């Protein structure tokens, strides 16, 4: 009989502890934590979307409702996490590398520590953000991508006019030679003309004398 009473006491204690833990667990209403992420404007890729991921660093950390956010160019997104009990959790936030090779993505990583505390029977929380696992704290999670090149810049740039190629020495000498030859043909030499005129005059006079001599001889005969 005593053993039976002992087992009953143990059973009642176990049930009491279970009920107490259940009442304690139900004492906190679920709260939602929001971690904001800012994404800078991309000037030329206007339809670009950032892919931001979040990873819990502890096994018991509550999972976010979405582990990857698609955030439109120049806008803000928010990771949402439901908390149900006091504790401390750490999350790693980073940008996934884009498939577009013309984009330099932001390789920074953030460690966000979530402190959940009991505030008079209610859950309250605070966030601490560190960049790249450093001790330097920041007040926000932000990413900024950039283009590898400026689209359309070649349209605005005026292409320079092609420079004329310098004439080679051989072509210069050839043109000079042609010019000199043409000048000689056009101007001529005055001394050669005078000599030819004198020879023609002498030949004409000799021919006249010869004709007169022949006629004189015929008369004598």
N, C-alpha and C. Protein backbone atom coordinates (compact mmCIF):
# COMPACT_ATOMS: atom_id res chain seq x y z
N UNK A 1 0.83 -1.21 0.00
CA UNK A 1 0.00 0.00 0.00
C UNK A 1 0.86 1.25 0.00
N UNK A 2 1.94 1.21 0.77
CA UNK A 2 2.83 2.37 0.84
C UNK A 2 3.51 2.60 -0.50
N UNK A 3 3.90 1.48 -1.18
CA UNK A 3 4.54 1.64 -2.49
C UNK A 3 3.58 2.26 -3.48
N UNK A 4 2.30 1.82 -3.38
CA UNK A 4 1.30 2.36 -4.29
C UNK A 4 1.12 3.86 -4.08
N UNK A 5 1.09 4.29 -2.82
CA UNK A 5 0.96 5.71 -2.50
C UNK A 5 2.18 6.48 -3.00
N UNK A 6 3.36 5.84 -2.91
CA UNK A 6 4.59 6.50 -3.38
C UNK A 6 4.52 6.75 -4.88
N UNK A 7 4.05 5.73 -5.63
CA UNK A 7 3.95 5.88 -7.08
C UNK A 7 2.93 6.96 -7.46
N UNK A 8 1.85 7.01 -6.67
CA UNK A 8 0.84 8.03 -6.92
C UNK A 8 1.42 9.43 -6.70
N UNK A 9 2.22 9.60 -5.66
CA UNK A 9 2.85 10.92 -5.39
C UNK A 9 3.79 11.31 -6.51
N UNK A 10 4.58 10.34 -6.97
CA UNK A 10 5.51 10.64 -8.08
C UNK A 10 4.74 11.04 -9.32
N UNK A 11 3.66 10.30 -9.60
CA UNK A 11 2.85 10.61 -10.78
C UNK A 11 2.23 11.99 -10.68
N UNK A 12 1.73 12.33 -9.51
CA UNK A 12 1.10 13.64 -9.32
C UNK A 12 2.13 14.77 -9.46
N UNK A 13 3.33 14.55 -8.95
CA UNK A 13 4.39 15.58 -9.09
C UNK A 13 4.75 15.80 -10.55
N UNK A 14 4.84 14.69 -11.31
CA UNK A 14 5.17 14.80 -12.73
C UNK A 14 4.09 15.56 -13.47
N UNK A 15 2.83 15.23 -13.17
CA UNK A 15 1.72 15.93 -13.82
C UNK A 15 1.72 17.40 -13.45
N UNK A 16 2.02 17.71 -12.19
CA UNK A 16 2.06 19.11 -11.74
C UNK A 16 3.15 19.88 -12.47
N UNK A 17 4.33 19.29 -12.62
CA UNK A 17 5.42 19.95 -13.34
C UNK A 17 5.05 20.17 -14.79
N UNK A 18 4.40 19.19 -15.39
CA UNK A 18 3.98 19.32 -16.79
C UNK A 18 2.99 20.46 -16.96
N UNK A 19 2.04 20.51 -16.02
CA UNK A 19 1.03 21.56 -16.10
C UNK A 19 1.63 22.93 -15.85
N UNK A 20 2.58 22.99 -14.90
CA UNK A 20 3.23 24.27 -14.62
C UNK A 20 4.02 24.76 -15.82
N UNK A 21 4.77 23.84 -16.46
CA UNK A 21 5.54 24.22 -17.65
C UNK A 21 4.62 24.65 -18.78
N UNK A 22 3.49 23.96 -18.92
CA UNK A 22 2.53 24.33 -19.95
C UNK A 22 1.94 25.69 -19.70
N UNK A 23 1.60 25.97 -18.42
CA UNK A 23 1.07 27.29 -18.08
C UNK A 23 2.11 28.37 -18.31
N UNK A 24 3.40 28.05 -17.97
CA UNK A 24 4.48 29.03 -18.16
C UNK A 24 4.69 29.32 -19.65
N UNK A 25 4.61 28.22 -20.46
CA UNK A 25 4.82 28.40 -21.89
C UNK A 25 3.70 29.21 -22.51
N UNK A 26 2.50 29.00 -22.03
CA UNK A 26 1.38 29.72 -22.58
C UNK A 26 1.27 31.14 -22.04
N UNK A 27 2.17 31.49 -21.10
CA UNK A 27 2.08 32.81 -20.48
C UNK A 27 2.48 33.91 -21.47
N UNK A 28 3.35 33.57 -22.46
CA UNK A 28 3.82 34.57 -23.43
C UNK A 28 3.00 34.48 -24.72
N UNK A 29 2.54 35.60 -25.14
CA UNK A 29 1.89 35.65 -26.45
C UNK A 29 2.95 35.82 -27.53
N UNK A 30 2.69 35.25 -28.69
CA UNK A 30 3.67 35.30 -29.78
C UNK A 30 3.85 36.73 -30.29
N UNK A 31 5.11 37.12 -30.43
CA UNK A 31 5.43 38.44 -30.98
C UNK A 31 6.22 38.27 -32.28
N UNK A 32 6.10 39.22 -33.16
CA UNK A 32 6.79 39.16 -34.45
C UNK A 32 7.89 40.21 -34.50
N UNK A 33 9.10 39.73 -34.77
CA UNK A 33 10.26 40.61 -34.92
C UNK A 33 10.45 40.93 -36.40
N UNK A 34 10.72 42.17 -36.72
CA UNK A 34 10.99 42.58 -38.10
C UNK A 34 12.41 43.11 -38.23
N UNK A 35 13.15 42.55 -39.17
CA UNK A 35 14.51 43.00 -39.46
C UNK A 35 14.49 43.65 -40.84
N UNK A 36 14.63 44.97 -40.88
CA UNK A 36 14.54 45.71 -42.15
C UNK A 36 15.86 45.61 -42.93
N UNK A 37 15.73 45.52 -44.25
CA UNK A 37 16.89 45.46 -45.15
C UNK A 37 16.68 46.49 -46.25
N UNK A 38 17.63 47.42 -46.38
CA UNK A 38 17.56 48.47 -47.41
C UNK A 38 18.44 48.09 -48.60
N UNK A 39 17.94 48.35 -49.80
CA UNK A 39 18.69 48.07 -51.02
C UNK A 39 18.76 49.35 -51.86
N UNK A 40 19.97 49.71 -52.26
CA UNK A 40 20.20 50.97 -52.98
C UNK A 40 19.66 50.90 -54.41
N UNK A 41 19.56 52.08 -55.02
CA UNK A 41 19.02 52.19 -56.38
C UNK A 41 20.09 51.82 -57.40
N UNK A 42 19.69 51.02 -58.39
CA UNK A 42 20.52 50.74 -59.56
C UNK A 42 20.01 51.61 -60.69
N UNK A 43 20.87 52.48 -61.23
CA UNK A 43 20.43 53.48 -62.19
C UNK A 43 20.01 52.87 -63.53
N UNK A 44 20.77 51.92 -64.04
CA UNK A 44 20.52 51.41 -65.38
C UNK A 44 19.72 50.11 -65.37
N UNK A 45 19.93 49.25 -64.37
CA UNK A 45 19.15 48.02 -64.27
C UNK A 45 17.94 48.30 -63.38
N UNK A 46 16.97 48.97 -63.92
CA UNK A 46 15.83 49.43 -63.12
C UNK A 46 14.94 48.28 -62.64
N UNK A 47 14.89 47.19 -63.38
CA UNK A 47 14.05 46.05 -62.99
C UNK A 47 14.82 45.03 -62.16
N UNK A 48 16.00 45.40 -61.73
CA UNK A 48 16.85 44.47 -60.97
C UNK A 48 16.27 44.21 -59.58
N UNK A 49 16.42 42.96 -59.11
CA UNK A 49 15.97 42.58 -57.78
C UNK A 49 17.13 42.00 -56.97
N UNK A 50 17.30 42.51 -55.78
CA UNK A 50 18.28 41.97 -54.85
C UNK A 50 17.75 40.66 -54.26
N UNK A 51 18.63 39.69 -54.08
CA UNK A 51 18.29 38.44 -53.40
C UNK A 51 19.06 38.40 -52.07
N UNK A 52 18.33 38.63 -50.97
CA UNK A 52 18.94 38.71 -49.64
C UNK A 52 18.55 37.48 -48.83
N UNK A 53 19.54 36.79 -48.27
CA UNK A 53 19.31 35.56 -47.53
C UNK A 53 19.57 35.76 -46.04
N UNK A 54 18.93 34.93 -45.23
CA UNK A 54 19.13 34.97 -43.78
C UNK A 54 19.31 33.53 -43.29
N UNK A 55 20.26 33.33 -42.35
CA UNK A 55 20.53 32.01 -41.81
C UNK A 55 20.64 32.08 -40.29
N UNK A 56 19.85 31.28 -39.54
CA UNK A 56 20.01 31.22 -38.09
C UNK A 56 21.35 30.58 -37.73
N UNK A 57 21.98 31.06 -36.69
CA UNK A 57 23.28 30.54 -36.27
C UNK A 57 23.17 29.55 -35.11
N UNK A 58 22.01 29.39 -34.54
CA UNK A 58 21.79 28.41 -33.48
C UNK A 58 20.67 27.44 -33.90
N UNK A 59 20.77 26.23 -33.40
CA UNK A 59 19.77 25.22 -33.76
C UNK A 59 18.39 25.54 -33.19
N UNK A 60 18.36 26.19 -32.03
CA UNK A 60 17.07 26.47 -31.40
C UNK A 60 16.49 27.83 -31.80
N UNK A 61 17.16 28.53 -32.72
CA UNK A 61 16.68 29.85 -33.15
C UNK A 61 15.41 29.69 -33.98
N UNK A 62 14.40 30.50 -33.72
CA UNK A 62 13.17 30.43 -34.54
C UNK A 62 13.46 30.80 -35.99
N UNK A 63 12.86 30.07 -36.90
CA UNK A 63 13.09 30.29 -38.32
C UNK A 63 12.29 31.49 -38.82
N UNK A 64 12.89 32.30 -39.68
CA UNK A 64 12.13 33.40 -40.30
C UNK A 64 11.03 32.85 -41.19
N UNK A 65 10.01 33.64 -41.42
CA UNK A 65 8.92 33.22 -42.30
C UNK A 65 9.41 33.04 -43.74
N UNK A 66 10.41 33.83 -44.14
CA UNK A 66 11.06 33.68 -45.44
C UNK A 66 12.56 33.72 -45.23
N UNK A 67 13.27 32.77 -45.81
CA UNK A 67 14.73 32.76 -45.65
C UNK A 67 15.45 33.51 -46.77
N UNK A 68 14.71 33.87 -47.84
CA UNK A 68 15.28 34.68 -48.94
C UNK A 68 14.25 35.74 -49.33
N UNK A 69 14.70 36.99 -49.36
CA UNK A 69 13.83 38.09 -49.77
C UNK A 69 14.22 38.55 -51.18
N UNK A 70 13.23 38.77 -52.03
CA UNK A 70 13.44 39.41 -53.33
C UNK A 70 13.03 40.87 -53.18
N UNK A 71 14.03 41.74 -53.15
CA UNK A 71 13.77 43.16 -52.88
C UNK A 71 13.98 43.96 -54.16
N UNK A 72 12.95 44.68 -54.57
CA UNK A 72 13.03 45.46 -55.81
C UNK A 72 14.06 46.57 -55.68
N UNK A 73 14.57 46.97 -56.83
CA UNK A 73 15.60 48.01 -56.92
C UNK A 73 15.21 49.27 -56.16
N UNK A 74 16.05 49.68 -55.20
CA UNK A 74 15.84 50.92 -54.48
C UNK A 74 14.75 50.88 -53.44
N UNK A 75 14.34 49.69 -53.00
CA UNK A 75 13.27 49.59 -52.00
C UNK A 75 13.78 48.87 -50.74
N UNK A 76 12.85 48.55 -49.86
CA UNK A 76 13.18 47.92 -48.58
C UNK A 76 12.36 46.66 -48.38
N UNK A 77 12.99 45.67 -47.77
CA UNK A 77 12.30 44.44 -47.42
C UNK A 77 12.46 44.15 -45.94
N UNK A 78 11.68 43.20 -45.42
CA UNK A 78 11.73 42.89 -43.99
C UNK A 78 11.66 41.39 -43.77
N UNK A 79 12.63 40.88 -42.98
CA UNK A 79 12.54 39.51 -42.49
C UNK A 79 11.64 39.53 -41.25
N UNK A 80 10.73 38.55 -41.15
CA UNK A 80 9.80 38.47 -40.02
C UNK A 80 10.04 37.16 -39.27
N UNK A 81 10.20 37.27 -37.95
CA UNK A 81 10.49 36.11 -37.10
C UNK A 81 9.52 36.12 -35.92
N UNK A 82 8.83 35.02 -35.71
CA UNK A 82 7.93 34.88 -34.56
C UNK A 82 8.70 34.38 -33.35
N UNK A 83 8.60 35.08 -32.24
CA UNK A 83 9.27 34.68 -31.00
C UNK A 83 8.22 34.32 -29.95
N UNK A 84 8.56 33.28 -29.14
CA UNK A 84 7.59 32.78 -28.15
C UNK A 84 8.16 32.69 -26.75
N UNK A 85 9.48 32.90 -26.60
CA UNK A 85 10.10 32.79 -25.29
C UNK A 85 11.37 33.64 -25.22
N UNK A 86 11.78 34.00 -24.00
CA UNK A 86 13.00 34.79 -23.86
C UNK A 86 14.24 33.97 -24.23
N UNK A 87 15.14 34.59 -24.95
CA UNK A 87 16.40 33.93 -25.31
C UNK A 87 17.20 34.90 -26.18
N UNK A 88 18.37 34.47 -26.59
CA UNK A 88 19.21 35.27 -27.48
C UNK A 88 19.52 34.45 -28.72
N UNK A 89 19.31 35.04 -29.89
CA UNK A 89 19.50 34.34 -31.15
C UNK A 89 20.35 35.21 -32.09
N UNK A 90 21.09 34.54 -32.95
CA UNK A 90 21.95 35.25 -33.91
C UNK A 90 21.60 34.80 -35.33
N UNK A 91 21.58 35.78 -36.24
CA UNK A 91 21.27 35.49 -37.64
C UNK A 91 22.32 36.13 -38.54
N UNK A 92 22.65 35.41 -39.61
CA UNK A 92 23.58 35.92 -40.63
C UNK A 92 22.77 36.34 -41.84
N UNK A 93 23.00 37.58 -42.29
CA UNK A 93 22.28 38.13 -43.45
C UNK A 93 23.29 38.52 -44.52
N UNK A 94 23.05 38.10 -45.75
CA UNK A 94 23.98 38.37 -46.84
C UNK A 94 23.22 38.39 -48.17
N UNK A 95 23.90 38.91 -49.20
CA UNK A 95 23.29 38.95 -50.54
C UNK A 95 23.79 37.77 -51.35
N UNK A 96 22.86 37.12 -52.03
CA UNK A 96 23.25 36.05 -52.94
C UNK A 96 23.84 36.65 -54.21
N UNK A 97 24.88 36.01 -54.74
CA UNK A 97 25.55 36.52 -55.93
C UNK A 97 24.61 36.49 -57.12
N UNK A 98 24.42 37.63 -57.81
CA UNK A 98 23.50 37.66 -58.95
C UNK A 98 24.07 36.92 -60.15
N UNK A 99 23.18 36.46 -61.04
CA UNK A 99 23.61 35.76 -62.25
C UNK A 99 24.12 36.73 -63.30
N UNK A 100 23.67 37.97 -63.25
CA UNK A 100 24.10 38.98 -64.22
C UNK A 100 25.56 39.35 -63.96
N UNK A 101 26.43 39.04 -64.91
CA UNK A 101 27.87 39.29 -64.74
C UNK A 101 28.23 40.77 -64.85
N UNK A 102 27.29 41.59 -65.27
CA UNK A 102 27.56 43.03 -65.40
C UNK A 102 27.30 43.78 -64.10
N UNK A 103 27.04 43.05 -63.03
CA UNK A 103 26.72 43.68 -61.75
C UNK A 103 27.75 43.30 -60.70
N UNK A 104 28.29 44.30 -60.04
CA UNK A 104 29.13 44.09 -58.87
C UNK A 104 28.23 44.03 -57.64
N UNK A 105 28.13 42.84 -57.04
CA UNK A 105 27.21 42.73 -55.91
C UNK A 105 27.92 43.08 -54.60
N UNK A 106 27.12 43.41 -53.61
CA UNK A 106 27.63 43.83 -52.30
C UNK A 106 27.93 42.57 -51.49
N UNK A 107 29.22 42.32 -51.25
CA UNK A 107 29.64 41.08 -50.57
C UNK A 107 29.63 41.19 -49.05
N UNK A 108 29.19 42.31 -48.51
CA UNK A 108 29.16 42.45 -47.05
C UNK A 108 28.18 41.48 -46.41
N UNK A 109 28.51 41.07 -45.18
CA UNK A 109 27.63 40.22 -44.40
C UNK A 109 27.33 40.90 -43.08
N UNK A 110 26.16 40.60 -42.55
CA UNK A 110 25.74 41.19 -41.28
C UNK A 110 25.40 40.08 -40.29
N UNK A 111 25.82 40.27 -39.05
CA UNK A 111 25.41 39.40 -37.96
C UNK A 111 24.42 40.18 -37.10
N UNK A 112 23.19 39.70 -37.07
CA UNK A 112 22.13 40.36 -36.31
C UNK A 112 21.84 39.53 -35.07
N UNK A 113 22.03 40.12 -33.90
CA UNK A 113 21.74 39.44 -32.64
C UNK A 113 20.39 39.91 -32.12
N UNK A 114 19.53 38.93 -31.85
CA UNK A 114 18.17 39.21 -31.37
C UNK A 114 18.09 38.87 -29.88
N UNK A 115 17.85 39.88 -29.06
CA UNK A 115 17.72 39.69 -27.62
C UNK A 115 16.23 39.71 -27.27
N UNK A 116 15.73 38.59 -26.79
CA UNK A 116 14.33 38.49 -26.39
C UNK A 116 14.28 38.39 -24.86
N UNK A 117 13.57 39.30 -24.23
CA UNK A 117 13.52 39.35 -22.76
C UNK A 117 12.08 39.35 -22.26
N UNK A 118 11.96 39.00 -20.96
CA UNK A 118 10.66 39.01 -20.29
C UNK A 118 10.46 40.38 -19.66
N UNK A 119 9.48 41.09 -20.13
CA UNK A 119 9.18 42.42 -19.60
C UNK A 119 7.82 42.39 -18.91
N UNK A 120 7.86 42.01 -17.63
CA UNK A 120 6.63 41.93 -16.82
C UNK A 120 5.58 41.02 -17.43
N UNK A 121 6.06 39.83 -17.81
CA UNK A 121 5.14 38.84 -18.36
C UNK A 121 4.92 38.97 -19.85
N UNK A 122 5.51 39.94 -20.46
CA UNK A 122 5.39 40.11 -21.90
C UNK A 122 6.77 40.08 -22.55
N UNK A 123 6.81 39.62 -23.79
CA UNK A 123 8.07 39.54 -24.50
C UNK A 123 8.42 40.89 -25.14
N UNK A 124 9.65 41.27 -24.95
CA UNK A 124 10.18 42.46 -25.64
C UNK A 124 11.51 42.06 -26.27
N UNK A 125 11.93 42.79 -27.30
CA UNK A 125 13.16 42.41 -27.99
C UNK A 125 13.95 43.65 -28.42
N UNK A 126 15.21 43.42 -28.68
CA UNK A 126 16.09 44.45 -29.23
C UNK A 126 17.05 43.79 -30.20
N UNK A 127 17.57 44.57 -31.13
CA UNK A 127 18.46 44.06 -32.17
C UNK A 127 19.82 44.74 -32.09
N UNK A 128 20.85 43.95 -32.35
CA UNK A 128 22.21 44.49 -32.45
C UNK A 128 22.79 44.02 -33.77
N UNK A 129 23.29 44.96 -34.58
CA UNK A 129 23.77 44.62 -35.93
C UNK A 129 25.26 44.91 -36.03
N UNK A 130 26.03 43.90 -36.46
CA UNK A 130 27.46 44.04 -36.70
C UNK A 130 27.75 43.70 -38.15
N UNK A 131 28.64 44.48 -38.78
CA UNK A 131 28.99 44.25 -40.18
C UNK A 131 30.25 43.41 -40.29
N UNK A 132 30.17 42.35 -41.10
CA UNK A 132 31.32 41.49 -41.39
C UNK A 132 31.96 40.92 -40.13
N UNK A 133 31.17 40.54 -39.17
CA UNK A 133 31.64 39.91 -37.94
C UNK A 133 32.62 40.80 -37.17
N UNK A 134 32.56 42.08 -37.39
CA UNK A 134 33.44 42.99 -36.67
C UNK A 134 32.73 43.51 -35.42
N UNK A 135 33.50 44.24 -34.61
CA UNK A 135 32.92 44.82 -33.39
C UNK A 135 32.19 46.12 -33.69
N UNK A 136 32.33 46.61 -34.92
CA UNK A 136 31.68 47.86 -35.29
C UNK A 136 30.19 47.65 -35.50
N UNK A 137 29.40 48.35 -34.76
CA UNK A 137 27.95 48.19 -34.86
C UNK A 137 27.38 49.21 -35.84
N UNK A 138 26.30 48.83 -36.47
CA UNK A 138 25.60 49.72 -37.39
C UNK A 138 24.11 49.71 -37.04
N UNK A 139 23.42 50.74 -37.49
CA UNK A 139 22.01 50.84 -37.11
C UNK A 139 21.06 50.27 -38.16
N UNK A 140 21.62 49.70 -39.25
CA UNK A 140 20.74 49.14 -40.27
C UNK A 140 21.48 48.12 -41.12
N UNK A 141 20.72 47.30 -41.81
CA UNK A 141 21.25 46.33 -42.76
C UNK A 141 20.97 46.88 -44.16
N UNK A 142 22.02 47.12 -44.92
CA UNK A 142 21.83 47.72 -46.24
C UNK A 142 22.81 47.11 -47.23
N UNK A 143 22.39 47.09 -48.50
CA UNK A 143 23.21 46.55 -49.57
C UNK A 143 23.17 47.52 -50.76
N UNK A 144 24.30 47.61 -51.45
CA UNK A 144 24.40 48.52 -52.59
C UNK A 144 25.20 47.85 -53.70
N UNK A 145 24.52 47.51 -54.79
CA UNK A 145 25.18 46.93 -55.96
C UNK A 145 25.50 48.03 -56.97
N UNK A 146 26.38 47.70 -57.91
CA UNK A 146 26.76 48.69 -58.92
C UNK A 146 26.99 47.99 -60.25
N UNK A 147 26.93 48.78 -61.35
CA UNK A 147 27.16 48.24 -62.69
C UNK A 147 28.65 48.17 -62.96
N UNK A 148 29.04 47.14 -63.68
CA UNK A 148 30.45 47.03 -64.08
C UNK A 148 30.81 48.05 -65.16
N UNK A 149 29.83 48.49 -65.94
CA UNK A 149 30.06 49.50 -66.97
C UNK A 149 28.82 50.36 -67.07
N UNK A 150 28.99 51.55 -67.67
CA UNK A 150 27.86 52.47 -67.84
C UNK A 150 27.22 52.20 -69.18
N UNK A 151 25.97 51.75 -69.15
CA UNK A 151 25.28 51.44 -70.40
C UNK A 151 25.02 52.70 -71.20
N UNK A 152 25.22 52.60 -72.52
CA UNK A 152 24.89 53.70 -73.42
C UNK A 152 25.91 54.81 -73.45
N UNK A 153 27.06 54.63 -72.76
CA UNK A 153 28.04 55.71 -72.76
C UNK A 153 28.65 55.93 -74.13
N UNK A 154 28.73 54.82 -74.92
CA UNK A 154 29.33 54.95 -76.24
C UNK A 154 28.48 55.80 -77.18
N UNK A 155 27.18 55.90 -76.88
CA UNK A 155 26.30 56.70 -77.73
C UNK A 155 26.59 58.19 -77.56
N UNK A 156 26.90 58.59 -76.33
CA UNK A 156 27.14 60.00 -76.06
C UNK A 156 28.54 60.45 -76.47
N UNK A 157 29.46 59.52 -76.52
CA UNK A 157 30.83 59.89 -76.85
C UNK A 157 30.96 60.08 -78.36
N UNK A 158 31.57 61.19 -78.77
CA UNK A 158 31.78 61.45 -80.18
C UNK A 158 33.08 60.79 -80.61
N UNK A 159 33.00 60.01 -81.68
CA UNK A 159 34.21 59.36 -82.17
C UNK A 159 35.05 60.36 -82.93
N UNK A 160 36.34 60.44 -82.67
CA UNK A 160 37.19 61.42 -83.35
C UNK A 160 37.33 61.11 -84.82
N UNK A 161 37.48 62.17 -85.64
CA UNK A 161 37.65 61.97 -87.07
C UNK A 161 38.99 61.32 -87.33
N UNK A 162 39.03 60.39 -88.29
CA UNK A 162 40.30 59.70 -88.57
C UNK A 162 41.32 60.68 -89.11
N UNK A 163 42.53 60.59 -88.58
CA UNK A 163 43.60 61.48 -89.03
C UNK A 163 44.15 60.98 -90.35
N UNK A 164 44.50 61.94 -91.25
CA UNK A 164 45.08 61.57 -92.53
C UNK A 164 46.47 61.02 -92.32
N UNK A 165 46.76 59.95 -93.03
CA UNK A 165 48.06 59.31 -92.86
C UNK A 165 49.14 60.18 -93.50
N UNK A 166 50.26 60.33 -92.85
CA UNK A 166 51.36 61.13 -93.42
C UNK A 166 51.90 60.48 -94.67
N UNK A 167 52.25 61.30 -95.66
CA UNK A 167 52.79 60.75 -96.90
C UNK A 167 54.19 60.22 -96.67
N UNK A 168 54.45 59.10 -97.27
CA UNK A 168 55.78 58.52 -97.14
C UNK A 168 56.78 59.33 -97.95
N UNK A 169 58.08 59.15 -97.63
CA UNK A 169 59.14 59.91 -98.32
C UNK A 169 59.16 59.60 -99.80
N UNK A 170 58.90 58.30 -100.12
CA UNK A 170 58.94 57.92 -101.54
C UNK A 170 57.85 58.63 -102.32
N UNK A 171 56.63 58.72 -101.72
CA UNK A 171 55.54 59.39 -102.43
C UNK A 171 55.81 60.86 -102.58
N UNK A 172 56.45 61.47 -101.54
CA UNK A 172 56.78 62.90 -101.62
C UNK A 172 57.79 63.15 -102.71
N UNK A 173 58.82 62.27 -102.77
CA UNK A 173 59.84 62.44 -103.81
C UNK A 173 59.24 62.24 -105.18
N UNK A 174 58.31 61.26 -105.30
CA UNK A 174 57.70 60.99 -106.60
C UNK A 174 56.88 62.17 -107.08
N UNK A 175 56.08 62.76 -106.17
CA UNK A 175 55.27 63.89 -106.57
C UNK A 175 56.14 65.08 -106.94
N UNK A 176 57.25 65.25 -106.19
CA UNK A 176 58.17 66.35 -106.51
C UNK A 176 58.79 66.15 -107.88
N UNK A 177 59.12 64.88 -108.17
CA UNK A 177 59.74 64.59 -109.46
C UNK A 177 58.76 64.86 -110.59
N UNK A 178 57.53 64.47 -110.46
CA UNK A 178 56.52 64.71 -111.49
C UNK A 178 56.31 66.20 -111.70
N UNK A 179 56.30 66.93 -110.59
CA UNK A 179 56.10 68.37 -110.70
C UNK A 179 57.24 69.03 -111.46
N UNK A 180 58.46 68.61 -111.16
CA UNK A 180 59.61 69.20 -111.83
C UNK A 180 59.60 68.87 -113.32
N UNK A 181 59.22 67.64 -113.66
CA UNK A 181 59.19 67.22 -115.06
C UNK A 181 58.14 68.02 -115.84
N UNK A 182 56.98 68.20 -115.25
CA UNK A 182 55.93 68.94 -115.92
C UNK A 182 56.32 70.39 -116.11
N UNK A 183 57.06 70.95 -115.17
CA UNK A 183 57.50 72.34 -115.32
C UNK A 183 58.47 72.46 -116.48
N UNK A 184 59.34 71.48 -116.68
CA UNK A 184 60.31 71.53 -117.78
C UNK A 184 59.61 71.48 -119.12
N UNK A 185 58.60 70.66 -119.25
CA UNK A 185 57.86 70.55 -120.49
C UNK A 185 57.11 71.82 -120.79
N UNK A 186 56.55 72.45 -119.80
CA UNK A 186 55.74 73.64 -120.02
C UNK A 186 56.59 74.84 -120.37
N UNK A 187 57.70 75.06 -119.69
CA UNK A 187 58.46 76.29 -119.88
C UNK A 187 59.42 76.16 -121.05
N UNK A 188 60.07 75.00 -121.27
CA UNK A 188 61.00 74.82 -122.35
C UNK A 188 62.32 75.56 -122.14
N UNK A 189 63.25 75.48 -123.20
CA UNK A 189 64.55 76.14 -123.11
C UNK A 189 64.67 77.10 -124.30
N UNK A 190 64.80 78.42 -124.10
CA UNK A 190 64.83 79.45 -125.15
C UNK A 190 66.05 79.33 -126.04
N UNK A 191 67.18 78.88 -125.54
CA UNK A 191 68.42 78.80 -126.33
C UNK A 191 68.29 77.76 -127.42
N UNK A 192 67.62 76.66 -127.21
CA UNK A 192 67.43 75.62 -128.22
C UNK A 192 66.59 76.14 -129.39
N UNK A 193 65.61 76.96 -129.14
CA UNK A 193 64.76 77.52 -130.20
C UNK A 193 65.56 78.45 -131.11
N UNK A 194 66.43 79.27 -130.54
CA UNK A 194 67.25 80.19 -131.34
C UNK A 194 68.20 79.44 -132.25
N UNK A 195 68.81 78.37 -131.77
CA UNK A 195 69.74 77.59 -132.58
C UNK A 195 69.02 76.99 -133.77
N UNK A 196 67.86 76.42 -133.52
CA UNK A 196 67.09 75.80 -134.60
C UNK A 196 66.67 76.84 -135.65
N UNK A 197 66.30 78.05 -135.20
CA UNK A 197 65.91 79.11 -136.15
C UNK A 197 67.09 79.52 -137.03
N UNK A 198 68.30 79.60 -136.45
CA UNK A 198 69.49 79.99 -137.22
C UNK A 198 69.83 78.94 -138.26
N UNK A 199 69.73 77.62 -137.85
CA UNK A 199 70.04 76.54 -138.80
C UNK A 199 69.05 76.57 -139.96
N UNK A 200 67.77 76.81 -139.65
CA UNK A 200 66.77 76.85 -140.71
C UNK A 200 67.02 78.04 -141.65
N UNK A 201 67.42 79.18 -141.08
CA UNK A 201 67.70 80.35 -141.93
C UNK A 201 68.87 80.10 -142.86
N UNK A 202 69.96 79.49 -142.33
CA UNK A 202 71.14 79.18 -143.14
C UNK A 202 70.76 78.21 -144.24
N UNK A 203 69.98 77.21 -143.92
CA UNK A 203 69.58 76.20 -144.91
C UNK A 203 68.74 76.86 -146.02
N UNK A 204 67.85 77.79 -145.62
CA UNK A 204 67.01 78.47 -146.60
C UNK A 204 67.86 79.31 -147.54
N UNK A 205 68.81 80.08 -146.98
CA UNK A 205 69.68 80.93 -147.82
C UNK A 205 70.51 80.08 -148.76
N UNK A 206 71.05 78.96 -148.25
CA UNK A 206 71.88 78.07 -149.09
C UNK A 206 71.06 77.51 -150.25
N UNK A 207 69.81 77.18 -149.94
CA UNK A 207 68.95 76.63 -151.00
C UNK A 207 68.65 77.69 -152.06
N UNK A 208 68.43 78.95 -151.64
CA UNK A 208 68.15 80.04 -152.59
C UNK A 208 69.36 80.27 -153.48
N UNK A 209 70.58 80.30 -152.89
CA UNK A 209 71.81 80.53 -153.65
C UNK A 209 72.00 79.41 -154.67
N UNK A 210 71.69 78.18 -154.21
CA UNK A 210 71.86 77.03 -155.10
C UNK A 210 70.93 77.14 -156.30
N UNK A 211 69.70 77.56 -156.08
CA UNK A 211 68.72 77.68 -157.16
C UNK A 211 69.16 78.76 -158.16
N UNK A 212 69.65 79.92 -157.63
CA UNK A 212 70.10 81.03 -158.49
C UNK A 212 71.28 80.59 -159.33
N UNK A 213 72.19 79.82 -158.72
CA UNK A 213 73.38 79.35 -159.46
C UNK A 213 72.99 78.44 -160.59
N UNK A 214 72.04 77.59 -160.34
CA UNK A 214 71.61 76.65 -161.39
C UNK A 214 70.98 77.40 -162.54
N UNK A 215 70.17 78.38 -162.27
CA UNK A 215 69.51 79.14 -163.32
C UNK A 215 70.53 79.96 -164.12
N UNK A 216 71.58 80.49 -163.43
CA UNK A 216 72.60 81.27 -164.12
C UNK A 216 73.37 80.38 -165.07
N UNK A 217 73.72 79.24 -164.74
CA UNK A 217 74.46 78.32 -165.59
C UNK A 217 73.65 77.94 -166.83
N UNK A 218 72.33 77.76 -166.62
CA UNK A 218 71.48 77.39 -167.77
C UNK A 218 71.43 78.52 -168.82
N UNK A 219 71.48 79.78 -168.37
CA UNK A 219 71.44 80.91 -169.30
C UNK A 219 72.75 80.97 -170.10
N UNK A 220 73.85 80.68 -169.47
CA UNK A 220 75.15 80.75 -170.15
C UNK A 220 75.23 79.69 -171.23
N UNK A 221 74.64 78.61 -171.02
CA UNK A 221 74.69 77.53 -171.99
C UNK A 221 73.75 77.88 -173.17
